[in-house]
Amino acid sequence: MDAKEKRLLVAALATDDYRSCLKAIFALSARSGRPNYSALTRKAGFSSRGFIADVVEGRRRLTPHSFPKMLKAVGSSGLLRQYLTRLVQLEEPELNHDALTFEQLQIKLKELRAKIQAKLALVEKVNVASELFRSQQILLVYASLGSSEPGTAVDEVSTRSGLLPTICESILEHLIRQGVVVSAAGRFRTTESTLLFEGLGDDHGFKASYLETLTELKRKASTRFNAQDQLFFQCFFSVNQHQLPELKRRMRDLAGEFVEENKAEGGDAVGRLLIGLYS
């Protein structure tokens, strides 16, 4: 989801009728904040130059013939179109193709709002995760903290992460500005125990951090391959190519569960788990 789509979804959620929704969408899409309804009308293929303005201002209604053109003027897709369509169906019976009752449409709208809010929340978590994955040092400091009070002192963070106290302090200040760490009386804790790292496959920070950790893993395997406190494991197995996306999801879920089950609040070291699945 790009920044524009996010802004449009947030604006749409703040409306509860289709005219207000259209007005908000067109205002956000306009560079100056003032929509050029004439240009939008031409783009959508309406014969009447003032049609969109008339609809937004309540002077005209949407019909099965005009609504597809209005969607073209909106120019977005996915959840935004679905939300606008449900709002239109509440007021325009001709567009209620499934003949849903008013109550049923309200339920559909409520479900759609929840879906949009969940997607927006996911985007925020992915943004935070992207920030954390900017460097391995940031991840080390974050992993050295717990989420419970009273928090962790800088010298403890330094011991667990293996980083100098001055570096830890600088990173902690950065994490506080990002809103993922809070401090009180010289101690620090995370604002939540787990961050969601979905959707980071194309994130450059995540990729760089992963490759950095992979290089470190190679050094560890070269020097301490048979150490009792380290695991170096690989497995080759037959698989159907089309199953790999589902196997990727399952492996990620299992890894997340493993970390949650074995994470020690206030532990004295930072564990690293690195996984790769490919054919």
C-alpha atoms as a PDB file:
ATOM      1  CA  MET A   1       0.000   0.000   0.000  1.00  0.00           C
ATOM      2  CA  ASP A   2       1.483   3.345  -1.022  1.00  0.00           C
ATOM      3  CA  ALA A   3       1.095   6.596   0.914  1.00  0.00           C
ATOM      4  CA  LYS A   4      -1.659   7.897  -1.383  1.00  0.00           C
ATOM      5  CA  GLU A   5      -3.802   4.783  -0.994  1.00  0.00           C
ATOM      6  CA  LYS A   6      -3.354   4.961   2.763  1.00  0.00           C
ATOM      7  CA  ARG A   7      -4.508   8.593   2.871  1.00  0.00           C
ATOM      8  CA  LEU A   8      -7.530   7.807   0.693  1.00  0.00           C
ATOM      9  CA  LEU A   9      -8.587   4.868   2.879  1.00  0.00           C
ATOM     10  CA  VAL A  10      -8.238   6.912   6.066  1.00  0.00           C
ATOM     11  CA  ALA A  11     -10.316   9.723   4.529  1.00  0.00           C
ATOM     12  CA  ALA A  12     -12.958   7.297   3.246  1.00  0.00           C
ATOM     13  CA  LEU A  13     -13.330   5.667   6.673  1.00  0.00           C
ATOM     14  CA  ALA A  14     -14.195   9.056   8.137  1.00  0.00           C
ATOM     15  CA  THR A  15     -17.305   9.269   5.910  1.00  0.00           C
ATOM     16  CA  ASP A  16     -20.597   7.401   6.122  1.00  0.00           C
ATOM     17  CA  ASP A  17     -22.336   8.400   2.885  1.00  0.00           C
ATOM     18  CA  TYR A  18     -21.139   8.136  -0.679  1.00  0.00           C
ATOM     19  CA  ARG A  19     -21.271  11.852  -1.526  1.00  0.00           C
ATOM     20  CA  SER A  20     -19.002  12.746   1.402  1.00  0.00           C
ATOM     21  CA  CYS A  21     -16.741   9.848   0.456  1.00  0.00           C
ATOM     22  CA  LEU A  22     -16.423  11.051  -3.138  1.00  0.00           C
ATOM     23  CA  LYS A  23     -15.765  14.597  -1.980  1.00  0.00           C
ATOM     24  CA  ALA A  24     -12.973  13.428   0.337  1.00  0.00           C
ATOM     25  CA  ILE A  25     -11.409  11.226  -2.358  1.00  0.00           C
ATOM     26  CA  PHE A  26     -11.385  13.951  -4.995  1.00  0.00           C
ATOM     27  CA  ALA A  27     -10.042  16.555  -2.548  1.00  0.00           C
ATOM     28  CA  LEU A  28      -7.135  14.321  -1.544  1.00  0.00           C
ATOM     29  CA  SER A  29      -6.388  13.377  -5.145  1.00  0.00           C
ATOM     30  CA  ALA A  30      -6.197  17.019  -6.260  1.00  0.00           C
ATOM     31  CA  ARG A  31      -2.776  18.661  -6.022  1.00  0.00           C
ATOM     32  CA  SER A  32      -4.171  21.890  -4.622  1.00  0.00           C
ATOM     33  CA  GLY A  33      -6.858  20.248  -2.504  1.00  0.00           C
ATOM     34  CA  ARG A  34      -9.514  21.734  -4.786  1.00  0.00           C
ATOM     35  CA  PRO A  35     -10.823  19.172  -7.286  1.00  0.00           C
ATOM     36  CA  ASN A  36     -11.176  20.109 -10.936  1.00  0.00           C
ATOM     37  CA  TYR A  37     -14.558  18.492 -11.469  1.00  0.00           C
ATOM     38  CA  SER A  38     -14.663  19.449 -15.136  1.00  0.00           C
ATOM     39  CA  ALA A  39     -11.408  17.608 -15.816  1.00  0.00           C
ATOM     40  CA  LEU A  40     -12.585  14.609 -13.791  1.00  0.00           C
ATOM     41  CA  THR A  41     -15.836  14.541 -15.742  1.00  0.00           C
ATOM     42  CA  ARG A  42     -13.991  14.505 -19.058  1.00  0.00           C
ATOM     43  CA  LYS A  43     -11.655  11.758 -17.807  1.00  0.00           C
ATOM     44  CA  ALA A  44     -14.597   9.583 -16.799  1.00  0.00           C
ATOM     45  CA  GLY A  45     -16.411  10.118 -20.096  1.00  0.00           C
ATOM     46  CA  PHE A  46     -19.505  11.955 -18.868  1.00  0.00           C
ATOM     47  CA  SER A  47     -21.275  14.109 -21.458  1.00  0.00           C
ATOM     48  CA  SER A  48     -22.372  16.654 -18.869  1.00  0.00           C
ATOM     49  CA  ARG A  49     -19.431  18.737 -17.625  1.00  0.00           C
ATOM     50  CA  GLY A  50     -20.952  19.360 -14.221  1.00  0.00           C
ATOM     51  CA  PHE A  51     -22.133  15.816 -13.529  1.00  0.00           C
ATOM     52  CA  ILE A  52     -19.574  14.871 -10.859  1.00  0.00           C
ATOM     53  CA  ALA A  53     -19.985  18.200  -9.059  1.00  0.00           C
ATOM     54  CA  ASP A  54     -23.768  17.738  -9.175  1.00  0.00           C
ATOM     55  CA  VAL A  55     -23.489  14.266  -7.646  1.00  0.00           C
ATOM     56  CA  VAL A  56     -21.104  15.386  -4.901  1.00  0.00           C
ATOM     57  CA  GLU A  57     -23.357  18.341  -4.037  1.00  0.00           C
ATOM     58  CA  GLY A  58     -26.495  16.182  -4.030  1.00  0.00           C
ATOM     59  CA  ARG A  59     -28.181  17.596  -7.111  1.00  0.00           C
ATOM     60  CA  ARG A  60     -27.977  14.343  -9.095  1.00  0.00           C
ATOM     61  CA  ARG A  61     -27.930  10.644  -8.280  1.00  0.00           C
ATOM     62  CA  LEU A  62     -25.762   7.742  -9.377  1.00  0.00           C
ATOM     63  CA  THR A  63     -27.297   5.084 -11.621  1.00  0.00           C
ATOM     64  CA  PRO A  64     -26.154   1.713 -13.014  1.00  0.00           C
ATOM     65  CA  HIS A  65     -25.055   3.619 -16.121  1.00  0.00           C
ATOM     66  CA  SER A  66     -23.146   6.420 -14.402  1.00  0.00           C
ATOM     67  CA  PHE A  67     -21.584   4.561 -11.474  1.00  0.00           C
ATOM     68  CA  PRO A  68     -18.914   2.675 -13.513  1.00  0.00           C
ATOM     69  CA  LYS A  69     -17.831   6.008 -14.979  1.00  0.00           C
ATOM     70  CA  MET A  70     -17.645   7.477 -11.479  1.00  0.00           C
ATOM     71  CA  LEU A  71     -15.371   4.610 -10.439  1.00  0.00           C
ATOM     72  CA  LYS A  72     -13.167   5.494 -13.401  1.00  0.00           C
ATOM     73  CA  ALA A  73     -12.975   9.074 -12.121  1.00  0.00           C
ATOM     74  CA  VAL A  74     -12.056   7.811  -8.658  1.00  0.00           C
ATOM     75  CA  GLY A  75      -9.200   5.912 -10.286  1.00  0.00           C
ATOM     76  CA  SER A  76      -8.470   3.629  -7.334  1.00  0.00           C
ATOM     77  CA  SER A  77      -9.169  -0.041  -6.837  1.00  0.00           C
ATOM     78  CA  GLY A  78      -9.527  -2.732  -4.195  1.00  0.00           C
ATOM     79  CA  LEU A  79     -10.842  -1.842  -0.762  1.00  0.00           C
ATOM     80  CA  LEU A  80     -11.578   1.791  -1.588  1.00  0.00           C
ATOM     81  CA  ARG A  81     -13.854   0.839  -4.478  1.00  0.00           C
ATOM     82  CA  GLN A  82     -15.547  -1.818  -2.362  1.00  0.00           C
ATOM     83  CA  TYR A  83     -16.203   0.691   0.406  1.00  0.00           C
ATOM     84  CA  LEU A  84     -17.568   3.326  -1.980  1.00  0.00           C
ATOM     85  CA  THR A  85     -19.767   0.723  -3.681  1.00  0.00           C
ATOM     86  CA  ARG A  86     -21.366  -0.321  -0.387  1.00  0.00           C
ATOM     87  CA  LEU A  87     -22.023   3.311   0.517  1.00  0.00           C
ATOM     88  CA  VAL A  88     -23.694   3.857  -2.857  1.00  0.00           C
ATOM     89  CA  GLN A  89     -25.819   0.722  -2.427  1.00  0.00           C
ATOM     90  CA  LEU A  90     -27.160   2.100   0.852  1.00  0.00           C
ATOM     91  CA  GLU A  91     -28.750   5.039  -0.953  1.00  0.00           C
ATOM     92  CA  GLU A  92     -29.253   3.882  -4.544  1.00  0.00           C
ATOM     93  CA  PRO A  93     -31.524   0.781  -4.738  1.00  0.00           C
ATOM     94  CA  GLU A  94     -30.806   0.324  -8.456  1.00  0.00           C
ATOM     95  CA  LEU A  95     -27.168  -0.434  -7.623  1.00  0.00           C
ATOM     96  CA  ASN A  96     -28.016  -2.940  -4.892  1.00  0.00           C
ATOM     97  CA  HIS A  97     -27.626  -5.865  -7.296  1.00  0.00           C
ATOM     98  CA  ASP A  98     -27.706  -8.504  -4.550  1.00  0.00           C
ATOM     99  CA  ALA A  99     -30.960  -7.100  -3.130  1.00  0.00           C
ATOM    100  CA  LEU A 100     -29.465  -6.872   0.361  1.00  0.00           C
ATOM    101  CA  THR A 101     -31.532  -5.307   3.111  1.00  0.00           C
ATOM    102  CA  PHE A 102     -30.400  -2.066   4.736  1.00  0.00           C
ATOM    103  CA  GLU A 103     -29.318  -4.050   7.808  1.00  0.00           C
ATOM    104  CA  GLN A 104     -27.353  -6.516   5.681  1.00  0.00           C
ATOM    105  CA  LEU A 105     -25.592  -3.680   3.887  1.00  0.00           C
ATOM    106  CA  GLN A 106     -24.704  -2.116   7.239  1.00  0.00           C
ATOM    107  CA  ILE A 107     -23.171  -5.428   8.335  1.00  0.00           C
ATOM    108  CA  LYS A 108     -21.184  -5.625   5.081  1.00  0.00           C
ATOM    109  CA  LEU A 109     -19.960  -2.076   5.626  1.00  0.00           C
ATOM    110  CA  LYS A 110     -18.952  -2.842   9.208  1.00  0.00           C
ATOM    111  CA  GLU A 111     -16.973  -5.883   8.060  1.00  0.00           C
ATOM    112  CA  LEU A 112     -15.316  -3.841   5.321  1.00  0.00           C
ATOM    113  CA  ARG A 113     -14.378  -1.063   7.753  1.00  0.00           C
ATOM    114  CA  ALA A 114     -12.778  -3.646  10.041  1.00  0.00           C
ATOM    115  CA  LYS A 115     -10.851  -5.084   7.096  1.00  0.00           C
ATOM    116  CA  ILE A 116      -9.593  -1.650   6.061  1.00  0.00           C
ATOM    117  CA  GLN A 117      -8.600  -0.769   9.628  1.00  0.00           C
ATOM    118  CA  ALA A 118      -6.731  -4.071   9.939  1.00  0.00           C
ATOM    119  CA  LYS A 119      -4.856  -3.362   6.704  1.00  0.00           C
ATOM    120  CA  LEU A 120      -3.958   0.146   7.856  1.00  0.00           C
ATOM    121  CA  ALA A 121      -2.744  -1.248  11.179  1.00  0.00           C
ATOM    122  CA  LEU A 122      -0.625  -3.794   9.300  1.00  0.00           C
ATOM    123  CA  VAL A 123       0.908  -1.023   7.202  1.00  0.00           C
ATOM    124  CA  GLU A 124       1.878   0.866  10.359  1.00  0.00           C
ATOM    125  CA  LYS A 125       3.524  -2.222  11.835  1.00  0.00           C
ATOM    126  CA  VAL A 126       5.367  -2.924   8.612  1.00  0.00           C
ATOM    127  CA  ASN A 127       6.613   0.681   8.603  1.00  0.00           C
ATOM    128  CA  VAL A 128       7.916   0.241  12.151  1.00  0.00           C
ATOM    129  CA  ALA A 129       9.479  -3.101  11.244  1.00  0.00           C
ATOM    130  CA  SER A 130      11.149  -1.527   8.215  1.00  0.00           C
ATOM    131  CA  GLU A 131      12.640   1.110  10.486  1.00  0.00           C
ATOM    132  CA  LEU A 132      13.979  -1.548  12.850  1.00  0.00           C
ATOM    133  CA  PHE A 133      15.512  -3.511  10.017  1.00  0.00           C
ATOM    134  CA  ARG A 134      17.623  -0.581   8.863  1.00  0.00           C
ATOM    135  CA  SER A 135      20.633  -2.170  10.561  1.00  0.00           C
ATOM    136  CA  GLN A 136      21.597  -5.193  12.617  1.00  0.00           C
ATOM    137  CA  GLN A 137      22.674  -2.948  15.487  1.00  0.00           C
ATOM    138  CA  ILE A 138      19.160  -1.527  15.805  1.00  0.00           C
ATOM    139  CA  LEU A 139      17.733  -5.058  15.918  1.00  0.00           C
ATOM    140  CA  LEU A 140      20.280  -6.101  18.560  1.00  0.00           C
ATOM    141  CA  VAL A 141      19.349  -3.208  20.823  1.00  0.00           C
ATOM    142  CA  TYR A 142      15.616  -3.752  20.336  1.00  0.00           C
ATOM    143  CA  ALA A 143      15.958  -7.478  21.080  1.00  0.00           C
ATOM    144  CA  SER A 144      17.922  -6.667  24.258  1.00  0.00           C
ATOM    145  CA  LEU A 145      14.884  -4.936  25.739  1.00  0.00           C
ATOM    146  CA  GLY A 146      11.813  -6.355  27.403  1.00  0.00           C
ATOM    147  CA  SER A 147       8.268  -5.004  27.364  1.00  0.00           C
ATOM    148  CA  SER A 148       7.592  -5.143  31.107  1.00  0.00           C
ATOM    149  CA  GLU A 149       8.395  -2.513  33.724  1.00  0.00           C
ATOM    150  CA  PRO A 150      10.704  -1.227  35.073  1.00  0.00           C
ATOM    151  CA  GLY A 151      12.628  -1.757  31.837  1.00  0.00           C
ATOM    152  CA  THR A 152      16.282  -2.338  31.017  1.00  0.00           C
ATOM    153  CA  ALA A 153      19.261  -0.130  31.855  1.00  0.00           C
ATOM    154  CA  VAL A 154      21.761   0.915  29.181  1.00  0.00           C
ATOM    155  CA  ASP A 155      24.580  -1.179  30.671  1.00  0.00           C
ATOM    156  CA  GLU A 156      22.350  -4.270  30.497  1.00  0.00           C
ATOM    157  CA  VAL A 157      21.496  -3.506  26.879  1.00  0.00           C
ATOM    158  CA  SER A 158      25.207  -3.144  26.151  1.00  0.00           C
ATOM    159  CA  THR A 159      26.037  -6.502  27.760  1.00  0.00           C
ATOM    160  CA  ARG A 160      23.273  -8.386  25.922  1.00  0.00           C
ATOM    161  CA  SER A 161      23.870  -6.800  22.518  1.00  0.00           C
ATOM    162  CA  GLY A 162      27.673  -6.652  22.655  1.00  0.00           C
ATOM    163  CA  LEU A 163      27.569  -2.999  21.585  1.00  0.00           C
ATOM    164  CA  LEU A 164      29.227  -0.030  23.290  1.00  0.00           C
ATOM    165  CA  PRO A 165      26.973   1.880  25.744  1.00  0.00           C
ATOM    166  CA  THR A 166      27.294   5.073  23.670  1.00  0.00           C
ATOM    167  CA  ILE A 167      26.019   3.239  20.566  1.00  0.00           C
ATOM    168  CA  CYS A 168      23.169   1.733  22.590  1.00  0.00           C
ATOM    169  CA  GLU A 169      22.168   5.150  23.887  1.00  0.00           C
ATOM    170  CA  SER A 170      22.085   6.616  20.394  1.00  0.00           C
ATOM    171  CA  ILE A 171      19.977   3.741  19.059  1.00  0.00           C
ATOM    172  CA  LEU A 172      17.616   3.882  22.042  1.00  0.00           C
ATOM    173  CA  GLU A 173      17.021   7.595  21.416  1.00  0.00           C
ATOM    174  CA  HIS A 174      16.236   6.753  17.780  1.00  0.00           C
ATOM    175  CA  LEU A 175      13.780   4.004  18.814  1.00  0.00           C
ATOM    176  CA  ILE A 176      12.074   6.365  21.245  1.00  0.00           C
ATOM    177  CA  ARG A 177      11.546   8.858  18.408  1.00  0.00           C
ATOM    178  CA  GLN A 178      10.038   6.027  16.344  1.00  0.00           C
ATOM    179  CA  GLY A 179       7.562   5.313  19.134  1.00  0.00           C
ATOM    180  CA  VAL A 180       8.587   1.675  19.685  1.00  0.00           C
ATOM    181  CA  VAL A 181      10.527   2.234  22.919  1.00  0.00           C
ATOM    182  CA  VAL A 182       9.690   4.248  26.044  1.00  0.00           C
ATOM    183  CA  SER A 183      11.962   5.289  28.898  1.00  0.00           C
ATOM    184  CA  ALA A 184      11.535   6.112  32.585  1.00  0.00           C
ATOM    185  CA  ALA A 185      14.130   6.719  35.285  1.00  0.00           C
ATOM    186  CA  GLY A 186      16.984   5.750  32.973  1.00  0.00           C
ATOM    187  CA  ARG A 187      15.453   2.416  31.977  1.00  0.00           C
ATOM    188  CA  PHE A 188      13.976   1.390  28.627  1.00  0.00           C
ATOM    189  CA  ARG A 189      11.284  -1.014  27.429  1.00  0.00           C
ATOM    190  CA  THR A 190       9.489  -1.799  24.186  1.00  0.00           C
ATOM    191  CA  THR A 191       5.923  -0.612  23.644  1.00  0.00           C
ATOM    192  CA  GLU A 192       4.855  -4.100  22.512  1.00  0.00           C
ATOM    193  CA  SER A 193       6.406  -7.522  22.832  1.00  0.00           C
ATOM    194  CA  THR A 194       6.182  -8.421  19.154  1.00  0.00           C
ATOM    195  CA  LEU A 195       6.351  -6.506  15.900  1.00  0.00           C
ATOM    196  CA  LEU A 196       4.802  -7.887  12.739  1.00  0.00           C
ATOM    197  CA  PHE A 197       7.295  -8.336   9.924  1.00  0.00           C
ATOM    198  CA  GLU A 198       4.829  -9.213   7.144  1.00  0.00           C
ATOM    199  CA  GLY A 199       5.345  -7.579   3.775  1.00  0.00           C
ATOM    200  CA  LEU A 200       9.063  -6.935   4.149  1.00  0.00           C
ATOM    201  CA  GLY A 201      10.188  -9.090   1.242  1.00  0.00           C
ATOM    202  CA  ASP A 202      10.969  -6.095  -0.967  1.00  0.00           C
ATOM    203  CA  ASP A 203      12.260  -3.850   1.810  1.00  0.00           C
ATOM    204  CA  HIS A 204      15.886  -2.868   1.205  1.00  0.00           C
ATOM    205  CA  GLY A 205      16.642  -2.433   4.916  1.00  0.00           C
ATOM    206  CA  PHE A 206      15.421  -5.937   5.696  1.00  0.00           C
ATOM    207  CA  LYS A 207      17.428  -7.414   2.827  1.00  0.00           C
ATOM    208  CA  ALA A 208      20.621  -5.617   3.888  1.00  0.00           C
ATOM    209  CA  SER A 209      20.208  -6.727   7.499  1.00  0.00           C
ATOM    210  CA  TYR A 210      19.495 -10.317   6.455  1.00  0.00           C
ATOM    211  CA  LEU A 211      22.631 -10.463   4.297  1.00  0.00           C
ATOM    212  CA  GLU A 212      24.682  -8.943   7.106  1.00  0.00           C
ATOM    213  CA  THR A 213      23.465 -11.623   9.511  1.00  0.00           C
ATOM    214  CA  LEU A 214      24.092 -14.299   6.865  1.00  0.00           C
ATOM    215  CA  THR A 215      27.721 -13.202   6.637  1.00  0.00           C
ATOM    216  CA  GLU A 216      28.013 -13.365  10.418  1.00  0.00           C
ATOM    217  CA  LEU A 217      26.464 -16.858  10.390  1.00  0.00           C
ATOM    218  CA  LYS A 218      29.114 -17.989   7.910  1.00  0.00           C
ATOM    219  CA  ARG A 219      31.876 -16.774  10.262  1.00  0.00           C
ATOM    220  CA  LYS A 220      30.278 -18.532  13.229  1.00  0.00           C
ATOM    221  CA  ALA A 221      29.905 -21.802  11.291  1.00  0.00           C
ATOM    222  CA  SER A 222      33.554 -21.625  10.217  1.00  0.00           C
ATOM    223  CA  THR A 223      34.871 -21.216  13.762  1.00  0.00           C
ATOM    224  CA  ARG A 224      32.333 -22.914  16.071  1.00  0.00           C
ATOM    225  CA  PHE A 225      30.438 -25.420  13.930  1.00  0.00           C
ATOM    226  CA  ASN A 226      30.159 -28.070  16.703  1.00  0.00           C
ATOM    227  CA  ALA A 227      29.562 -25.687  19.624  1.00  0.00           C
ATOM    228  CA  GLN A 228      26.963 -26.902  22.135  1.00  0.00           C
ATOM    229  CA  ASP A 229      25.200 -23.544  22.257  1.00  0.00           C
ATOM    230  CA  GLN A 230      24.872 -23.040  18.473  1.00  0.00           C
ATOM    231  CA  LEU A 231      22.943 -24.810  15.730  1.00  0.00           C
ATOM    232  CA  PHE A 232      23.892 -25.040  12.077  1.00  0.00           C
ATOM    233  CA  PHE A 233      21.347 -27.135  10.222  1.00  0.00           C
ATOM    234  CA  GLN A 234      20.300 -27.719   6.652  1.00  0.00           C
ATOM    235  CA  CYS A 235      17.890 -30.119   4.973  1.00  0.00           C
ATOM    236  CA  PHE A 236      17.041 -30.959   1.365  1.00  0.00           C
ATOM    237  CA  PHE A 237      13.649 -32.483   0.577  1.00  0.00           C
ATOM    238  CA  SER A 238      11.328 -33.126  -2.345  1.00  0.00           C
ATOM    239  CA  VAL A 239       8.619 -30.506  -2.794  1.00  0.00           C
ATOM    240  CA  ASN A 240       6.054 -29.364  -5.324  1.00  0.00           C
ATOM    241  CA  GLN A 241       6.998 -25.924  -6.651  1.00  0.00           C
ATOM    242  CA  HIS A 242       3.457 -24.574  -6.345  1.00  0.00           C
ATOM    243  CA  GLN A 243       3.442 -25.383  -2.608  1.00  0.00           C
ATOM    244  CA  LEU A 244       6.380 -23.115  -1.797  1.00  0.00           C
ATOM    245  CA  PRO A 245       4.334 -19.958  -1.049  1.00  0.00           C
ATOM    246  CA  GLU A 246       2.243 -21.877   1.498  1.00  0.00           C
ATOM    247  CA  LEU A 247       5.343 -23.557   2.947  1.00  0.00           C
ATOM    248  CA  LYS A 248       6.942 -20.123   3.269  1.00  0.00           C
ATOM    249  CA  ARG A 249       3.937 -18.887   5.255  1.00  0.00           C
ATOM    250  CA  ARG A 250       3.946 -21.955   7.522  1.00  0.00           C
ATOM    251  CA  MET A 251       7.680 -21.753   8.156  1.00  0.00           C
ATOM    252  CA  ARG A 252       7.402 -18.065   9.037  1.00  0.00           C
ATOM    253  CA  ASP A 253       4.528 -18.794  11.428  1.00  0.00           C
ATOM    254  CA  LEU A 254       6.443 -21.657  13.074  1.00  0.00           C
ATOM    255  CA  ALA A 255       9.526 -19.472  13.484  1.00  0.00           C
ATOM    256  CA  GLY A 256       7.413 -16.734  15.053  1.00  0.00           C
ATOM    257  CA  GLU A 257       5.827 -19.205  17.479  1.00  0.00           C
ATOM    258  CA  PHE A 258       9.253 -20.619  18.378  1.00  0.00           C
ATOM    259  CA  VAL A 259      10.599 -17.162  19.174  1.00  0.00           C
ATOM    260  CA  GLU A 260       7.537 -16.228  21.262  1.00  0.00           C
ATOM    261  CA  GLU A 261       7.614 -19.477  23.242  1.00  0.00           C
ATOM    262  CA  ASN A 262      11.319 -19.293  24.032  1.00  0.00           C
ATOM    263  CA  LYS A 263      11.904 -15.574  24.440  1.00  0.00           C
ATOM    264  CA  ALA A 264      13.235 -14.872  27.947  1.00  0.00           C
ATOM    265  CA  GLU A 265      12.128 -11.556  29.444  1.00  0.00           C
ATOM    266  CA  GLY A 266      15.327 -10.039  30.824  1.00  0.00           C
ATOM    267  CA  GLY A 267      17.598 -12.671  29.242  1.00  0.00           C
ATOM    268  CA  ASP A 268      21.358 -12.135  29.299  1.00  0.00           C
ATOM    269  CA  ALA A 269      22.033 -12.533  25.540  1.00  0.00           C
ATOM    270  CA  VAL A 270      20.432 -12.008  22.126  1.00  0.00           C
ATOM    271  CA  GLY A 271      19.623 -15.122  20.092  1.00  0.00           C
ATOM    272  CA  ARG A 272      19.744 -14.983  16.294  1.00  0.00           C
ATOM    273  CA  LEU A 273      17.492 -17.146  14.142  1.00  0.00           C
ATOM    274  CA  LEU A 274      18.083 -17.029  10.384  1.00  0.00           C
ATOM    275  CA  ILE A 275      15.957 -19.054   7.956  1.00  0.00           C
ATOM    276  CA  GLY A 276      15.942 -19.549   4.208  1.00  0.00           C
ATOM    277  CA  LEU A 277      13.563 -21.723   2.168  1.00  0.00           C
ATOM    278  CA  TYR A 278      14.006 -22.009  -1.590  1.00  0.00           C
ATOM    279  CA  SER A 279      14.196 -24.478  -4.458  1.00  0.00           C
END
